[in-house]
């Protein structure tokens, strides 16, 4: 798994304190069966996994650009997916349509992949949202809590 840079670890610790989370509370929010002591050690050693940071900022509505690049406000400015879309060959698919598809097909997707949360996070980290990352456009992946195992 990819680790984040030292500055990201520092900002991550800042948001933990800013939002008033203990290490166990934040670990529970992040998910992935992460333990509070494991999170504390990862932060103190500067060995924090990117997937944990992505999960936390998505659930806390923290800006991706602020967390990873130190740019803009800490809070995310994206609060409405209705105008965000992907386009290829003149065909647009809106993010809220993708979210609806994922919600409607959650059971099928869980059967295909035993770890749906990891699957969707990996897709976000790979090519699915590469154009957003390359252009420092904020995005977030929200996984319905009912899908957590």
C-alpha atoms as a PDB file:
ATOM      1  CA  UNK A   1       0.000   0.000   0.000  1.00  0.00           C
ATOM      2  CA  UNK A   2       1.144   3.510  -0.801  1.00  0.00           C
ATOM      3  CA  UNK A   3       2.308   5.704   2.083  1.00  0.00           C
ATOM      4  CA  UNK A   4       1.731   9.452   2.201  1.00  0.00           C
ATOM      5  CA  UNK A   5       4.346  12.192   2.528  1.00  0.00           C
ATOM      6  CA  UNK A   6       5.356  13.662   5.889  1.00  0.00           C
ATOM      7  CA  UNK A   7       3.410  16.915   5.312  1.00  0.00           C
ATOM      8  CA  UNK A   8       0.227  14.879   4.695  1.00  0.00           C
ATOM      9  CA  UNK A   9       0.810  12.994   7.959  1.00  0.00           C
ATOM     10  CA  UNK A  10       1.145  16.350   9.753  1.00  0.00           C
ATOM     11  CA  UNK A  11      -2.099  17.667   8.224  1.00  0.00           C
ATOM     12  CA  UNK A  12      -3.812  14.367   9.041  1.00  0.00           C
ATOM     13  CA  UNK A  13      -2.808  14.701  12.703  1.00  0.00           C
ATOM     14  CA  UNK A  14      -4.023  18.305  12.614  1.00  0.00           C
ATOM     15  CA  UNK A  15      -7.504  17.291  11.409  1.00  0.00           C
ATOM     16  CA  UNK A  16      -7.657  14.542  14.047  1.00  0.00           C
ATOM     17  CA  UNK A  17      -7.100  17.154  16.745  1.00  0.00           C
ATOM     18  CA  UNK A  18      -9.238  19.818  15.012  1.00  0.00           C
ATOM     19  CA  UNK A  19     -12.236  17.478  14.804  1.00  0.00           C
ATOM     20  CA  UNK A  20     -11.639  16.250  18.369  1.00  0.00           C
ATOM     21  CA  UNK A  21     -11.124  12.568  17.587  1.00  0.00           C
ATOM     22  CA  UNK A  22      -9.110  10.210  19.735  1.00  0.00           C
ATOM     23  CA  UNK A  23      -7.001   7.684  17.838  1.00  0.00           C
ATOM     24  CA  UNK A  24      -9.515   4.851  18.472  1.00  0.00           C
ATOM     25  CA  UNK A  25     -12.450   7.054  17.381  1.00  0.00           C
ATOM     26  CA  UNK A  26     -10.737   8.110  14.167  1.00  0.00           C
ATOM     27  CA  UNK A  27      -9.605   4.540  13.463  1.00  0.00           C
ATOM     28  CA  UNK A  28     -13.214   3.359  13.803  1.00  0.00           C
ATOM     29  CA  UNK A  29     -14.386   6.118  11.443  1.00  0.00           C
ATOM     30  CA  UNK A  30     -11.728   5.176   8.867  1.00  0.00           C
ATOM     31  CA  UNK A  31     -12.753   1.512   8.965  1.00  0.00           C
ATOM     32  CA  UNK A  32     -10.715  -1.358   7.494  1.00  0.00           C
ATOM     33  CA  UNK A  33     -10.584  -2.924  11.002  1.00  0.00           C
ATOM     34  CA  UNK A  34      -7.962  -0.309  11.878  1.00  0.00           C
ATOM     35  CA  UNK A  35      -7.078  -0.109  15.572  1.00  0.00           C
ATOM     36  CA  UNK A  36      -6.448   3.160  17.392  1.00  0.00           C
ATOM     37  CA  UNK A  37      -2.979   2.161  18.556  1.00  0.00           C
ATOM     38  CA  UNK A  38      -2.011   1.123  15.017  1.00  0.00           C
ATOM     39  CA  UNK A  39      -3.157   4.527  13.740  1.00  0.00           C
ATOM     40  CA  UNK A  40      -1.254   6.359  16.484  1.00  0.00           C
ATOM     41  CA  UNK A  41       1.960   4.444  15.701  1.00  0.00           C
ATOM     42  CA  UNK A  42       1.596   5.020  11.948  1.00  0.00           C
ATOM     43  CA  UNK A  43       1.238   8.760  12.506  1.00  0.00           C
ATOM     44  CA  UNK A  44       4.123   8.987  14.987  1.00  0.00           C
ATOM     45  CA  UNK A  45       6.408   7.050  12.617  1.00  0.00           C
ATOM     46  CA  UNK A  46       5.267   8.971   9.531  1.00  0.00           C
ATOM     47  CA  UNK A  47       4.163   5.698   7.887  1.00  0.00           C
ATOM     48  CA  UNK A  48       0.497   6.457   7.177  1.00  0.00           C
ATOM     49  CA  UNK A  49      -1.256   4.601   4.366  1.00  0.00           C
ATOM     50  CA  UNK A  50      -2.895   6.734   1.694  1.00  0.00           C
ATOM     51  CA  UNK A  51      -6.107   4.707   1.796  1.00  0.00           C
ATOM     52  CA  UNK A  52      -6.589   5.619   5.471  1.00  0.00           C
ATOM     53  CA  UNK A  53      -6.144   9.319   4.678  1.00  0.00           C
ATOM     54  CA  UNK A  54      -8.590   9.105   1.754  1.00  0.00           C
ATOM     55  CA  UNK A  55     -11.185   7.350   3.888  1.00  0.00           C
ATOM     56  CA  UNK A  56     -10.875   9.944   6.672  1.00  0.00           C
ATOM     57  CA  UNK A  57     -11.030  13.022   4.434  1.00  0.00           C
ATOM     58  CA  UNK A  58     -14.009  11.629   2.542  1.00  0.00           C
ATOM     59  CA  UNK A  59     -15.929  10.946   5.741  1.00  0.00           C
ATOM     60  CA  UNK A  60     -14.937  14.261   7.341  1.00  0.00           C
ATOM     61  CA  UNK A  61     -15.501  16.312   4.164  1.00  0.00           C
ATOM     62  CA  UNK A  62     -11.915  17.600   4.180  1.00  0.00           C
ATOM     63  CA  UNK A  63     -10.462  19.033   0.986  1.00  0.00           C
ATOM     64  CA  UNK A  64      -8.271  16.632  -1.012  1.00  0.00           C
ATOM     65  CA  UNK A  65      -6.219  19.571  -2.336  1.00  0.00           C
ATOM     66  CA  UNK A  66      -5.614  20.873   1.188  1.00  0.00           C
ATOM     67  CA  UNK A  67      -4.705  17.466   2.609  1.00  0.00           C
ATOM     68  CA  UNK A  68      -2.367  16.353  -0.161  1.00  0.00           C
ATOM     69  CA  UNK A  69      -1.045  19.673  -1.492  1.00  0.00           C
ATOM     70  CA  UNK A  70      -1.641  22.232   1.273  1.00  0.00           C
ATOM     71  CA  UNK A  71      -3.773  24.321  -1.101  1.00  0.00           C
ATOM     72  CA  UNK A  72      -7.065  26.064  -0.373  1.00  0.00           C
ATOM     73  CA  UNK A  73      -9.371  25.657   2.590  1.00  0.00           C
ATOM     74  CA  UNK A  74      -9.355  22.625   4.845  1.00  0.00           C
ATOM     75  CA  UNK A  75     -13.062  21.952   4.315  1.00  0.00           C
ATOM     76  CA  UNK A  76     -14.111  20.523   0.971  1.00  0.00           C
ATOM     77  CA  UNK A  77     -15.885  22.896  -1.382  1.00  0.00           C
ATOM     78  CA  UNK A  78     -17.644  20.073  -3.199  1.00  0.00           C
ATOM     79  CA  UNK A  79     -20.971  19.476  -1.545  1.00  0.00           C
ATOM     80  CA  UNK A  80     -23.140  18.796  -4.569  1.00  0.00           C
ATOM     81  CA  UNK A  81     -22.390  16.121  -7.174  1.00  0.00           C
ATOM     82  CA  UNK A  82     -25.267  17.051  -9.484  1.00  0.00           C
ATOM     83  CA  UNK A  83     -23.100  19.155 -11.794  1.00  0.00           C
ATOM     84  CA  UNK A  84     -20.016  16.939 -11.838  1.00  0.00           C
ATOM     85  CA  UNK A  85     -19.718  14.514 -14.715  1.00  0.00           C
ATOM     86  CA  UNK A  86     -17.329  12.449 -16.785  1.00  0.00           C
ATOM     87  CA  UNK A  87     -17.500  12.863 -20.549  1.00  0.00           C
ATOM     88  CA  UNK A  88     -16.221  10.763 -23.423  1.00  0.00           C
ATOM     89  CA  UNK A  89     -17.121  11.146 -27.089  1.00  0.00           C
ATOM     90  CA  UNK A  90     -19.853  13.642 -26.209  1.00  0.00           C
ATOM     91  CA  UNK A  91     -21.559  11.295 -23.745  1.00  0.00           C
ATOM     92  CA  UNK A  92     -21.821  12.566 -20.174  1.00  0.00           C
ATOM     93  CA  UNK A  93     -22.356  10.467 -17.079  1.00  0.00           C
ATOM     94  CA  UNK A  94     -23.002  12.432 -13.929  1.00  0.00           C
ATOM     95  CA  UNK A  95     -21.350  11.448 -10.658  1.00  0.00           C
ATOM     96  CA  UNK A  96     -24.720  11.146  -8.937  1.00  0.00           C
ATOM     97  CA  UNK A  97     -25.695   8.555 -11.596  1.00  0.00           C
ATOM     98  CA  UNK A  98     -22.545   6.576 -10.823  1.00  0.00           C
ATOM     99  CA  UNK A  99     -23.319   6.752  -7.113  1.00  0.00           C
ATOM    100  CA  UNK A 100     -26.897   5.600  -7.741  1.00  0.00           C
ATOM    101  CA  UNK A 101     -25.624   2.687  -9.849  1.00  0.00           C
ATOM    102  CA  UNK A 102     -23.196   1.661  -7.105  1.00  0.00           C
ATOM    103  CA  UNK A 103     -25.910   1.915  -4.452  1.00  0.00           C
ATOM    104  CA  UNK A 104     -28.429  -0.037  -6.572  1.00  0.00           C
ATOM    105  CA  UNK A 105     -25.892  -2.770  -7.357  1.00  0.00           C
ATOM    106  CA  UNK A 106     -24.100  -2.966  -4.022  1.00  0.00           C
ATOM    107  CA  UNK A 107     -25.095  -6.585  -3.368  1.00  0.00           C
ATOM    108  CA  UNK A 108     -23.929  -7.715  -6.800  1.00  0.00           C
ATOM    109  CA  UNK A 109     -20.676  -5.789  -6.421  1.00  0.00           C
ATOM    110  CA  UNK A 110     -20.092  -7.329  -2.994  1.00  0.00           C
ATOM    111  CA  UNK A 111     -20.537 -10.795  -4.489  1.00  0.00           C
ATOM    112  CA  UNK A 112     -18.005 -10.001  -7.221  1.00  0.00           C
ATOM    113  CA  UNK A 113     -15.451  -8.644  -4.774  1.00  0.00           C
ATOM    114  CA  UNK A 114     -15.402  -9.699  -1.126  1.00  0.00           C
ATOM    115  CA  UNK A 115     -14.087  -6.328  -0.022  1.00  0.00           C
ATOM    116  CA  UNK A 116     -16.282  -3.669  -1.676  1.00  0.00           C
ATOM    117  CA  UNK A 117     -14.854  -0.780   0.347  1.00  0.00           C
ATOM    118  CA  UNK A 118     -11.299  -1.568  -0.742  1.00  0.00           C
ATOM    119  CA  UNK A 119     -12.439  -2.102  -4.327  1.00  0.00           C
ATOM    120  CA  UNK A 120     -14.102   1.304  -4.660  1.00  0.00           C
ATOM    121  CA  UNK A 121     -11.214   3.092  -2.916  1.00  0.00           C
ATOM    122  CA  UNK A 122      -8.705   1.375  -5.214  1.00  0.00           C
ATOM    123  CA  UNK A 123     -10.719   2.462  -8.263  1.00  0.00           C
ATOM    124  CA  UNK A 124     -10.684   6.048  -7.002  1.00  0.00           C
ATOM    125  CA  UNK A 125      -6.937   5.848  -6.448  1.00  0.00           C
ATOM    126  CA  UNK A 126      -6.244   4.358  -9.864  1.00  0.00           C
ATOM    127  CA  UNK A 127      -7.420   5.578 -13.260  1.00  0.00           C
ATOM    128  CA  UNK A 128     -11.087   6.235 -12.432  1.00  0.00           C
ATOM    129  CA  UNK A 129     -10.449   9.778 -11.134  1.00  0.00           C
ATOM    130  CA  UNK A 130      -6.939  10.393 -12.526  1.00  0.00           C
ATOM    131  CA  UNK A 131      -8.070  13.510 -14.394  1.00  0.00           C
ATOM    132  CA  UNK A 132      -9.335  15.004 -11.131  1.00  0.00           C
ATOM    133  CA  UNK A 133      -6.046  14.351  -9.337  1.00  0.00           C
ATOM    134  CA  UNK A 134      -3.943  15.566 -12.261  1.00  0.00           C
ATOM    135  CA  UNK A 135      -5.812  18.869 -12.279  1.00  0.00           C
ATOM    136  CA  UNK A 136      -6.073  19.259  -8.471  1.00  0.00           C
ATOM    137  CA  UNK A 137      -9.854  19.000  -8.680  1.00  0.00           C
ATOM    138  CA  UNK A 138     -11.376  17.898  -5.408  1.00  0.00           C
ATOM    139  CA  UNK A 139     -13.424  14.722  -5.329  1.00  0.00           C
ATOM    140  CA  UNK A 140     -14.539  12.306  -2.716  1.00  0.00           C
ATOM    141  CA  UNK A 141     -15.619   8.719  -2.669  1.00  0.00           C
ATOM    142  CA  UNK A 142     -18.435   8.019  -0.254  1.00  0.00           C
ATOM    143  CA  UNK A 143     -19.244   4.423   0.525  1.00  0.00           C
ATOM    144  CA  UNK A 144     -22.621   3.789   2.088  1.00  0.00           C
ATOM    145  CA  UNK A 145     -21.987   2.597   5.656  1.00  0.00           C
ATOM    146  CA  UNK A 146     -24.462  -0.247   5.228  1.00  0.00           C
ATOM    147  CA  UNK A 147     -21.921  -1.898   2.940  1.00  0.00           C
ATOM    148  CA  UNK A 148     -19.246  -2.108   5.591  1.00  0.00           C
ATOM    149  CA  UNK A 149     -18.639  -5.632   6.827  1.00  0.00           C
END
